[in-house]
Amino acid sequence: MTATKKKWSAEVSEHSDALDLEDHVFESDDARKIAASLKRSAEHSHRRKAEPFQSAMSMLNFYINRAGKNLPAARKKVLEDAKDELRTAFGREKDD
């Protein structure tokens, strides 16, 4: 693969029926801000096929899974906390 060629995950994000995300949404250290941004994106996106909650949660899981073992524990904790904030924002119960 050449240096200019994009990774498959970037290709998926840009050309699939993924959400139109705000720039740098996953870089925040505030789980509530991440969840609020995903919720806004999911509710306003014209590219999604599923319900807003499912689309937002899927995008968050996609990002976490894409980072894999390269994701530092502190960053993963913020993103996992964002899942709980997203559930709260959509009035969903936490899965236990």
PDB file of N, CA and C in Angstrom:
ATOM      1  N   MET A   1       0.844  -1.170   0.000  1.00  0.00           N
ATOM      2  CA  MET A   1       0.000   0.000   0.000  1.00  0.00           C
ATOM      3  C   MET A   1       0.892   1.237   0.000  1.00  0.00           C
ATOM      4  N   THR A   2       0.572   2.196  -0.825  1.00  0.00           N
ATOM      5  CA  THR A   2       1.378   3.410  -0.892  1.00  0.00           C
ATOM      6  C   THR A   2       1.028   4.349   0.256  1.00  0.00           C
ATOM      7  N   ALA A   3       1.926   5.291   0.527  1.00  0.00           N
ATOM      8  CA  ALA A   3       1.724   6.227   1.634  1.00  0.00           C
ATOM      9  C   ALA A   3       0.508   7.124   1.403  1.00  0.00           C
ATOM     10  N   THR A   4       0.154   7.357   0.169  1.00  0.00           N
ATOM     11  CA  THR A   4      -0.970   8.245  -0.120  1.00  0.00           C
ATOM     12  C   THR A   4      -2.311   7.516  -0.110  1.00  0.00           C
ATOM     13  N   LYS A   5      -2.290   6.222  -0.099  1.00  0.00           N
ATOM     14  CA  LYS A   5      -3.530   5.461  -0.112  1.00  0.00           C
ATOM     15  C   LYS A   5      -4.163   5.465   1.278  1.00  0.00           C
ATOM     16  N   LYS A   6      -5.462   5.688   1.328  1.00  0.00           N
ATOM     17  CA  LYS A   6      -6.160   5.739   2.611  1.00  0.00           C
ATOM     18  C   LYS A   6      -6.392   4.342   3.162  1.00  0.00           C
ATOM     19  N   LYS A   7      -6.544   4.290   4.467  1.00  0.00           N
ATOM     20  CA  LYS A   7      -6.869   3.027   5.112  1.00  0.00           C
ATOM     21  C   LYS A   7      -8.319   2.672   4.827  1.00  0.00           C
ATOM     22  N   TRP A   8      -8.644   1.403   4.917  1.00  0.00           N
ATOM     23  CA  TRP A   8     -10.006   0.966   4.619  1.00  0.00           C
ATOM     24  C   TRP A   8     -11.013   1.607   5.559  1.00  0.00           C
ATOM     25  N   SER A   9     -10.612   1.855   6.818  1.00  0.00           N
ATOM     26  CA  SER A   9     -11.547   2.430   7.781  1.00  0.00           C
ATOM     27  C   SER A   9     -11.917   3.868   7.414  1.00  0.00           C
ATOM     28  N   ALA A  10     -10.973   4.616   6.893  1.00  0.00           N
ATOM     29  CA  ALA A  10     -11.271   5.973   6.432  1.00  0.00           C
ATOM     30  C   ALA A  10     -12.209   5.917   5.236  1.00  0.00           C
ATOM     31  N   GLU A  11     -11.978   4.961   4.370  1.00  0.00           N
ATOM     32  CA  GLU A  11     -12.832   4.764   3.201  1.00  0.00           C
ATOM     33  C   GLU A  11     -14.266   4.433   3.627  1.00  0.00           C
ATOM     34  N   VAL A  12     -14.405   3.572   4.624  1.00  0.00           N
ATOM     35  CA  VAL A  12     -15.725   3.215   5.147  1.00  0.00           C
ATOM     36  C   VAL A  12     -16.412   4.453   5.701  1.00  0.00           C
ATOM     37  N   SER A  13     -15.701   5.219   6.492  1.00  0.00           N
ATOM     38  CA  SER A  13     -16.282   6.409   7.119  1.00  0.00           C
ATOM     39  C   SER A  13     -16.751   7.435   6.094  1.00  0.00           C
ATOM     40  N   GLU A  14     -16.012   7.571   5.014  1.00  0.00           N
ATOM     41  CA  GLU A  14     -16.332   8.582   4.015  1.00  0.00           C
ATOM     42  C   GLU A  14     -17.400   8.158   3.020  1.00  0.00           C
ATOM     43  N   HIS A  15     -17.448   6.884   2.669  1.00  0.00           N
ATOM     44  CA  HIS A  15     -18.298   6.474   1.557  1.00  0.00           C
ATOM     45  C   HIS A  15     -19.425   5.509   1.908  1.00  0.00           C
ATOM     46  N   SER A  16     -19.492   5.074   3.137  1.00  0.00           N
ATOM     47  CA  SER A  16     -20.587   4.186   3.509  1.00  0.00           C
ATOM     48  C   SER A  16     -21.765   5.028   3.983  1.00  0.00           C
ATOM     49  N   ASP A  17     -22.774   4.369   4.507  1.00  0.00           N
ATOM     50  CA  ASP A  17     -23.900   5.091   5.082  1.00  0.00           C
ATOM     51  C   ASP A  17     -23.608   5.387   6.547  1.00  0.00           C
ATOM     52  N   ALA A  18     -22.389   5.831   6.780  1.00  0.00           N
ATOM     53  CA  ALA A  18     -21.964   6.207   8.122  1.00  0.00           C
ATOM     54  C   ALA A  18     -22.467   7.617   8.423  1.00  0.00           C
ATOM     55  N   LEU A  19     -22.296   8.033   9.655  1.00  0.00           N
ATOM     56  CA  LEU A  19     -22.730   9.361  10.048  1.00  0.00           C
ATOM     57  C   LEU A  19     -21.774  10.429   9.533  1.00  0.00           C
ATOM     58  N   ASP A  20     -22.298  11.616   9.379  1.00  0.00           N
ATOM     59  CA  ASP A  20     -21.469  12.783   9.090  1.00  0.00           C
ATOM     60  C   ASP A  20     -21.047  13.341  10.444  1.00  0.00           C
ATOM     61  N   LEU A  21     -19.826  13.039  10.858  1.00  0.00           N
ATOM     62  CA  LEU A  21     -19.354  13.407  12.186  1.00  0.00           C
ATOM     63  C   LEU A  21     -18.719  14.789  12.218  1.00  0.00           C
ATOM     64  N   GLU A  22     -18.780  15.410  13.393  1.00  0.00           N
ATOM     65  CA  GLU A  22     -18.056  16.659  13.614  1.00  0.00           C
ATOM     66  C   GLU A  22     -16.569  16.331  13.639  1.00  0.00           C
ATOM     67  N   ASP A  23     -15.746  17.266  13.212  1.00  0.00           N
ATOM     68  CA  ASP A  23     -14.293  17.060  13.201  1.00  0.00           C
ATOM     69  C   ASP A  23     -13.774  16.810  14.614  1.00  0.00           C
ATOM     70  N   HIS A  24     -12.883  15.867  14.735  1.00  0.00           N
ATOM     71  CA  HIS A  24     -12.162  15.559  15.982  1.00  0.00           C
ATOM     72  C   HIS A  24     -13.077  15.154  17.137  1.00  0.00           C
ATOM     73  N   VAL A  25     -14.245  14.630  16.836  1.00  0.00           N
ATOM     74  CA  VAL A  25     -15.205  14.288  17.885  1.00  0.00           C
ATOM     75  C   VAL A  25     -14.637  13.283  18.891  1.00  0.00           C
ATOM     76  N   PHE A  26     -13.834  12.347  18.433  1.00  0.00           N
ATOM     77  CA  PHE A  26     -13.335  11.294  19.322  1.00  0.00           C
ATOM     78  C   PHE A  26     -12.081  11.715  20.097  1.00  0.00           C
ATOM     79  N   GLU A  27     -11.604  12.923  19.875  1.00  0.00           N
ATOM     80  CA  GLU A  27     -10.394  13.390  20.551  1.00  0.00           C
ATOM     81  C   GLU A  27     -10.682  14.063  21.889  1.00  0.00           C
ATOM     82  N   SER A  28     -11.937  14.352  22.182  1.00  0.00           N
ATOM     83  CA  SER A  28     -12.296  15.018  23.426  1.00  0.00           C
ATOM     84  C   SER A  28     -12.030  14.108  24.626  1.00  0.00           C
ATOM     85  N   ASP A  29     -11.708  14.727  25.760  1.00  0.00           N
ATOM     86  CA  ASP A  29     -11.543  13.973  27.001  1.00  0.00           C
ATOM     87  C   ASP A  29     -12.832  13.948  27.807  1.00  0.00           C
ATOM     88  N   ASP A  30     -13.890  14.516  27.261  1.00  0.00           N
ATOM     89  CA  ASP A  30     -15.176  14.607  27.940  1.00  0.00           C
ATOM     90  C   ASP A  30     -16.168  13.648  27.274  1.00  0.00           C
ATOM     91  N   ALA A  31     -16.499  12.568  27.976  1.00  0.00           N
ATOM     92  CA  ALA A  31     -17.397  11.545  27.431  1.00  0.00           C
ATOM     93  C   ALA A  31     -18.758  12.130  27.082  1.00  0.00           C
ATOM     94  N   ARG A  32     -19.231  13.072  27.881  1.00  0.00           N
ATOM     95  CA  ARG A  32     -20.542  13.684  27.629  1.00  0.00           C
ATOM     96  C   ARG A  32     -20.528  14.493  26.332  1.00  0.00           C
ATOM     97  N   LYS A  33     -19.420  15.187  26.051  1.00  0.00           N
ATOM     98  CA  LYS A  33     -19.304  15.957  24.804  1.00  0.00           C
ATOM     99  C   LYS A  33     -19.281  15.029  23.594  1.00  0.00           C
ATOM    100  N   ILE A  34     -18.574  13.914  23.717  1.00  0.00           N
ATOM    101  CA  ILE A  34     -18.524  12.937  22.627  1.00  0.00           C
ATOM    102  C   ILE A  34     -19.924  12.413  22.353  1.00  0.00           C
ATOM    103  N   ALA A  35     -20.631  12.032  23.417  1.00  0.00           N
ATOM    104  CA  ALA A  35     -21.988  11.492  23.265  1.00  0.00           C
ATOM    105  C   ALA A  35     -22.930  12.531  22.659  1.00  0.00           C
ATOM    106  N   ALA A  36     -22.845  13.769  23.117  1.00  0.00           N
ATOM    107  CA  ALA A  36     -23.715  14.827  22.594  1.00  0.00           C
ATOM    108  C   ALA A  36     -23.448  15.074  21.114  1.00  0.00           C
ATOM    109  N   SER A  37     -22.186  15.054  20.728  1.00  0.00           N
ATOM    110  CA  SER A  37     -21.827  15.256  19.329  1.00  0.00           C
ATOM    111  C   SER A  37     -22.354  14.112  18.457  1.00  0.00           C
ATOM    112  N   LEU A  38     -22.176  12.874  18.936  1.00  0.00           N
ATOM    113  CA  LEU A  38     -22.680  11.721  18.184  1.00  0.00           C
ATOM    114  C   LEU A  38     -24.200  11.767  18.069  1.00  0.00           C
ATOM    115  N   LYS A  39     -24.864  12.164  19.133  1.00  0.00           N
ATOM    116  CA  LYS A  39     -26.323  12.254  19.111  1.00  0.00           C
ATOM    117  C   LYS A  39     -26.770  13.289  18.078  1.00  0.00           C
ATOM    118  N   ARG A  40     -26.134  14.473  18.097  1.00  0.00           N
ATOM    119  CA  ARG A  40     -26.472  15.508  17.104  1.00  0.00           C
ATOM    120  C   ARG A  40     -26.253  14.998  15.688  1.00  0.00           C
ATOM    121  N   SER A  41     -25.109  14.361  15.475  1.00  0.00           N
ATOM    122  CA  SER A  41     -24.793  13.846  14.141  1.00  0.00           C
ATOM    123  C   SER A  41     -25.805  12.803  13.689  1.00  0.00           C
ATOM    124  N   ALA A  42     -26.159  11.911  14.596  1.00  0.00           N
ATOM    125  CA  ALA A  42     -27.097  10.837  14.255  1.00  0.00           C
ATOM    126  C   ALA A  42     -28.483  11.383  13.946  1.00  0.00           C
ATOM    127  N   GLU A  43     -28.896  12.379  14.691  1.00  0.00           N
ATOM    128  CA  GLU A  43     -30.239  12.928  14.480  1.00  0.00           C
ATOM    129  C   GLU A  43     -30.336  13.795  13.228  1.00  0.00           C
ATOM    130  N   HIS A  44     -29.212  14.348  12.783  1.00  0.00           N
ATOM    131  CA  HIS A  44     -29.237  15.232  11.619  1.00  0.00           C
ATOM    132  C   HIS A  44     -28.679  14.615  10.344  1.00  0.00           C
ATOM    133  N   SER A  45     -28.115  13.418  10.435  1.00  0.00           N
ATOM    134  CA  SER A  45     -27.488  12.792   9.275  1.00  0.00           C
ATOM    135  C   SER A  45     -28.525  12.289   8.274  1.00  0.00           C
ATOM    136  N   HIS A  46     -28.211  12.492   7.018  1.00  0.00           N
ATOM    137  CA  HIS A  46     -29.050  11.957   5.941  1.00  0.00           C
ATOM    138  C   HIS A  46     -28.439  10.682   5.365  1.00  0.00           C
ATOM    139  N   ARG A  47     -27.299  10.256   5.913  1.00  0.00           N
ATOM    140  CA  ARG A  47     -26.589   9.091   5.386  1.00  0.00           C
ATOM    141  C   ARG A  47     -26.892   7.822   6.163  1.00  0.00           C
ATOM    142  N   ARG A  48     -27.487   7.930   7.327  1.00  0.00           N
ATOM    143  CA  ARG A  48     -27.676   6.744   8.158  1.00  0.00           C
ATOM    144  C   ARG A  48     -28.874   5.926   7.677  1.00  0.00           C
ATOM    145  N   LYS A  49     -28.795   4.631   7.927  1.00  0.00           N
ATOM    146  CA  LYS A  49     -29.892   3.731   7.574  1.00  0.00           C
ATOM    147  C   LYS A  49     -30.666   3.286   8.801  1.00  0.00           C
ATOM    148  N   ALA A  50     -30.016   3.241   9.945  1.00  0.00           N
ATOM    149  CA  ALA A  50     -30.641   2.761  11.175  1.00  0.00           C
ATOM    150  C   ALA A  50     -31.197   3.939  11.978  1.00  0.00           C
ATOM    151  N   GLU A  51     -31.788   3.621  13.120  1.00  0.00           N
ATOM    152  CA  GLU A  51     -32.269   4.643  14.040  1.00  0.00           C
ATOM    153  C   GLU A  51     -31.084   5.438  14.585  1.00  0.00           C
ATOM    154  N   PRO A  52     -31.299   6.677  15.027  1.00  0.00           N
ATOM    155  CA  PRO A  52     -30.189   7.510  15.503  1.00  0.00           C
ATOM    156  C   PRO A  52     -29.342   6.865  16.604  1.00  0.00           C
ATOM    157  N   PHE A  53     -29.983   6.271  17.612  1.00  0.00           N
ATOM    158  CA  PHE A  53     -29.204   5.657  18.697  1.00  0.00           C
ATOM    159  C   PHE A  53     -28.286   4.562  18.168  1.00  0.00           C
ATOM    160  N   GLN A  54     -28.838   3.680  17.357  1.00  0.00           N
ATOM    161  CA  GLN A  54     -28.054   2.567  16.820  1.00  0.00           C
ATOM    162  C   GLN A  54     -26.906   3.077  15.945  1.00  0.00           C
ATOM    163  N   SER A  55     -27.168   4.082  15.143  1.00  0.00           N
ATOM    164  CA  SER A  55     -26.127   4.631  14.277  1.00  0.00           C
ATOM    165  C   SER A  55     -25.002   5.271  15.089  1.00  0.00           C
ATOM    166  N   ALA A  56     -25.374   6.034  16.114  1.00  0.00           N
ATOM    167  CA  ALA A  56     -24.372   6.695  16.953  1.00  0.00           C
ATOM    168  C   ALA A  56     -23.530   5.670  17.711  1.00  0.00           C
ATOM    169  N   MET A  57     -24.182   4.667  18.288  1.00  0.00           N
ATOM    170  CA  MET A  57     -23.456   3.644  19.047  1.00  0.00           C
ATOM    171  C   MET A  57     -22.570   2.823  18.109  1.00  0.00           C
ATOM    172  N   SER A  58     -23.049   2.529  16.940  1.00  0.00           N
ATOM    173  CA  SER A  58     -22.248   1.772  15.970  1.00  0.00           C
ATOM    174  C   SER A  58     -20.996   2.538  15.569  1.00  0.00           C
ATOM    175  N   MET A  59     -21.118   3.841  15.372  1.00  0.00           N
ATOM    176  CA  MET A  59     -19.955   4.639  14.995  1.00  0.00           C
ATOM    177  C   MET A  59     -18.939   4.689  16.135  1.00  0.00           C
ATOM    178  N   LEU A  60     -19.420   4.786  17.361  1.00  0.00           N
ATOM    179  CA  LEU A  60     -18.521   4.798  18.515  1.00  0.00           C
ATOM    180  C   LEU A  60     -17.804   3.455  18.635  1.00  0.00           C
ATOM    181  N   ASN A  61     -18.535   2.361  18.495  1.00  0.00           N
ATOM    182  CA  ASN A  61     -17.916   1.031  18.533  1.00  0.00           C
ATOM    183  C   ASN A  61     -16.944   0.824  17.382  1.00  0.00           C
ATOM    184  N   PHE A  62     -17.293   1.323  16.212  1.00  0.00           N
ATOM    185  CA  PHE A  62     -16.408   1.227  15.052  1.00  0.00           C
ATOM    186  C   PHE A  62     -15.079   1.906  15.348  1.00  0.00           C
ATOM    187  N   TYR A  63     -15.142   3.101  15.933  1.00  0.00           N
ATOM    188  CA  TYR A  63     -13.918   3.837  16.254  1.00  0.00           C
ATOM    189  C   TYR A  63     -13.079   3.084  17.283  1.00  0.00           C
ATOM    190  N   ILE A  64     -13.724   2.575  18.328  1.00  0.00           N
ATOM    191  CA  ILE A  64     -13.004   1.826  19.370  1.00  0.00           C
ATOM    192  C   ILE A  64     -12.359   0.575  18.780  1.00  0.00           C
ATOM    193  N   ASN A  65     -13.100  -0.162  17.993  1.00  0.00           N
ATOM    194  CA  ASN A  65     -12.583  -1.396  17.408  1.00  0.00           C
ATOM    195  C   ASN A  65     -11.478  -1.122  16.387  1.00  0.00           C
ATOM    196  N   ARG A  66     -11.612  -0.034  15.654  1.00  0.00           N
ATOM    197  CA  ARG A  66     -10.620   0.336  14.650  1.00  0.00           C
ATOM    198  C   ARG A  66      -9.278   0.642  15.309  1.00  0.00           C
ATOM    199  N   ALA A  67      -9.317   1.288  16.469  1.00  0.00           N
ATOM    200  CA  ALA A  67      -8.083   1.628  17.182  1.00  0.00           C
ATOM    201  C   ALA A  67      -7.433   0.382  17.784  1.00  0.00           C
ATOM    202  N   GLY A  68      -8.245  -0.581  18.164  1.00  0.00           N
ATOM    203  CA  GLY A  68      -7.735  -1.853  18.669  1.00  0.00           C
ATOM    204  C   GLY A  68      -6.802  -1.712  19.856  1.00  0.00           C
ATOM    205  N   LYS A  69      -5.733  -2.476  19.838  1.00  0.00           N
ATOM    206  CA  LYS A  69      -4.783  -2.499  20.946  1.00  0.00           C
ATOM    207  C   LYS A  69      -3.938  -1.233  21.015  1.00  0.00           C
ATOM    208  N   ASN A  70      -3.991  -0.396  19.996  1.00  0.00           N
ATOM    209  CA  ASN A  70      -3.244   0.861  19.999  1.00  0.00           C
ATOM    210  C   ASN A  70      -3.920   1.946  20.838  1.00  0.00           C
ATOM    211  N   LEU A  71      -5.126   1.675  21.300  1.00  0.00           N
ATOM    212  CA  LEU A  71      -5.871   2.644  22.084  1.00  0.00           C
ATOM    213  C   LEU A  71      -5.415   2.607  23.537  1.00  0.00           C
ATOM    214  N   PRO A  72      -4.845   3.704  24.039  1.00  0.00           N
ATOM    215  CA  PRO A  72      -4.410   3.724  25.436  1.00  0.00           C
ATOM    216  C   PRO A  72      -5.593   3.503  26.382  1.00  0.00           C
ATOM    217  N   ALA A  73      -5.329   2.944  27.540  1.00  0.00           N
ATOM    218  CA  ALA A  73      -6.378   2.616  28.504  1.00  0.00           C
ATOM    219  C   ALA A  73      -7.201   3.841  28.896  1.00  0.00           C
ATOM    220  N   ALA A  74      -6.544   4.970  29.100  1.00  0.00           N
ATOM    221  CA  ALA A  74      -7.260   6.186  29.501  1.00  0.00           C
ATOM    222  C   ALA A  74      -8.222   6.648  28.410  1.00  0.00           C
ATOM    223  N   ARG A  75      -7.780   6.561  27.152  1.00  0.00           N
ATOM    224  CA  ARG A  75      -8.631   6.964  26.023  1.00  0.00           C
ATOM    225  C   ARG A  75      -9.800   5.996  25.883  1.00  0.00           C
ATOM    226  N   LYS A  76      -9.521   4.693  26.045  1.00  0.00           N
ATOM    227  CA  LYS A  76     -10.588   3.696  25.946  1.00  0.00           C
ATOM    228  C   LYS A  76     -11.624   3.919  27.031  1.00  0.00           C
ATOM    229  N   LYS A  77     -11.192   4.288  28.230  1.00  0.00           N
ATOM    230  CA  LYS A  77     -12.124   4.550  29.330  1.00  0.00           C
ATOM    231  C   LYS A  77     -13.053   5.708  28.973  1.00  0.00           C
ATOM    232  N   VAL A  78     -12.501   6.786  28.420  1.00  0.00           N
ATOM    233  CA  VAL A  78     -13.329   7.929  28.018  1.00  0.00           C
ATOM    234  C   VAL A  78     -14.355   7.488  26.975  1.00  0.00           C
ATOM    235  N   LEU A  79     -13.918   6.700  26.006  1.00  0.00           N
ATOM    236  CA  LEU A  79     -14.830   6.255  24.947  1.00  0.00           C
ATOM    237  C   LEU A  79     -15.876   5.274  25.464  1.00  0.00           C
ATOM    238  N   GLU A  80     -15.491   4.403  26.381  1.00  0.00           N
ATOM    239  CA  GLU A  80     -16.462   3.488  26.991  1.00  0.00           C
ATOM    240  C   GLU A  80     -17.471   4.276  27.831  1.00  0.00           C
ATOM    241  N   ASP A  81     -16.985   5.305  28.536  1.00  0.00           N
ATOM    242  CA  ASP A  81     -17.892   6.171  29.302  1.00  0.00           C
ATOM    243  C   ASP A  81     -18.846   6.908  28.363  1.00  0.00           C
ATOM    244  N   ALA A  82     -18.361   7.240  27.164  1.00  0.00           N
ATOM    245  CA  ALA A  82     -19.207   7.914  26.179  1.00  0.00           C
ATOM    246  C   ALA A  82     -20.379   7.020  25.766  1.00  0.00           C
ATOM    247  N   LYS A  83     -20.176   5.708  25.779  1.00  0.00           N
ATOM    248  CA  LYS A  83     -21.275   4.782  25.475  1.00  0.00           C
ATOM    249  C   LYS A  83     -22.396   4.951  26.503  1.00  0.00           C
ATOM    250  N   ASP A  84     -22.009   5.010  27.789  1.00  0.00           N
ATOM    251  CA  ASP A  84     -23.014   5.194  28.840  1.00  0.00           C
ATOM    252  C   ASP A  84     -23.712   6.546  28.699  1.00  0.00           C
ATOM    253  N   GLU A  85     -22.945   7.580  28.383  1.00  0.00           N
ATOM    254  CA  GLU A  85     -23.527   8.911  28.186  1.00  0.00           C
ATOM    255  C   GLU A  85     -24.480   8.917  26.987  1.00  0.00           C
ATOM    256  N   LEU A  86     -24.128   8.180  25.957  1.00  0.00           N
ATOM    257  CA  LEU A  86     -24.977   8.084  24.774  1.00  0.00           C
ATOM    258  C   LEU A  86     -26.292   7.385  25.119  1.00  0.00           C
ATOM    259  N   ARG A  87     -26.202   6.307  25.884  1.00  0.00           N
ATOM    260  CA  ARG A  87     -27.424   5.622  26.326  1.00  0.00           C
ATOM    261  C   ARG A  87     -28.314   6.567  27.120  1.00  0.00           C
ATOM    262  N   THR A  88     -27.704   7.326  28.024  1.00  0.00           N
ATOM    263  CA  THR A  88     -28.457   8.288  28.828  1.00  0.00           C
ATOM    264  C   THR A  88     -29.090   9.357  27.947  1.00  0.00           C
ATOM    265  N   ALA A  89     -28.332   9.878  26.997  1.00  0.00           N
ATOM    266  CA  ALA A  89     -28.824  10.930  26.111  1.00  0.00           C
ATOM    267  C   ALA A  89     -30.037  10.482  25.298  1.00  0.00           C
ATOM    268  N   PHE A  90     -30.069   9.196  24.969  1.00  0.00           N
ATOM    269  CA  PHE A  90     -31.183   8.658  24.198  1.00  0.00           C
ATOM    270  C   PHE A  90     -32.243   8.000  25.085  1.00  0.00           C
ATOM    271  N   GLY A  91     -32.060   8.082  26.416  1.00  0.00           N
ATOM    272  CA  GLY A  91     -33.042   7.505  27.333  1.00  0.00           C
ATOM    273  C   GLY A  91     -33.058   5.999  27.326  1.00  0.00           C
ATOM    274  N   ARG A  92     -31.912   5.391  27.098  1.00  0.00           N
ATOM    275  CA  ARG A  92     -31.792   3.930  27.069  1.00  0.00           C
ATOM    276  C   ARG A  92     -31.200   3.419  28.374  1.00  0.00           C
ATOM    277  N   GLU A  93     -31.543   2.197  28.710  1.00  0.00           N
ATOM    278  CA  GLU A  93     -30.957   1.552  29.888  1.00  0.00           C
ATOM    279  C   GLU A  93     -29.572   1.020  29.545  1.00  0.00           C
ATOM    280  N   LYS A  94     -28.695   1.018  30.540  1.00  0.00           N
ATOM    281  CA  LYS A  94     -27.373   0.458  30.356  1.00  0.00           C
ATOM    282  C   LYS A  94     -27.461  -1.057  30.312  1.00  0.00           C
ATOM    283  N   ASP A  95     -26.722  -1.681  29.369  1.00  0.00           N
ATOM    284  CA  ASP A  95     -26.661  -3.144  29.291  1.00  0.00           C
ATOM    285  C   ASP A  95     -25.764  -3.659  30.389  1.00  0.00           C
ATOM    286  N   ASP A  96     -26.249  -4.594  31.171  1.00  0.00           N
ATOM    287  CA  ASP A  96     -25.419  -5.184  32.229  1.00  0.00           C
ATOM    288  C   ASP A  96     -25.227  -6.663  32.007  1.00  0.00           C
TER     289      ASP A  96
END
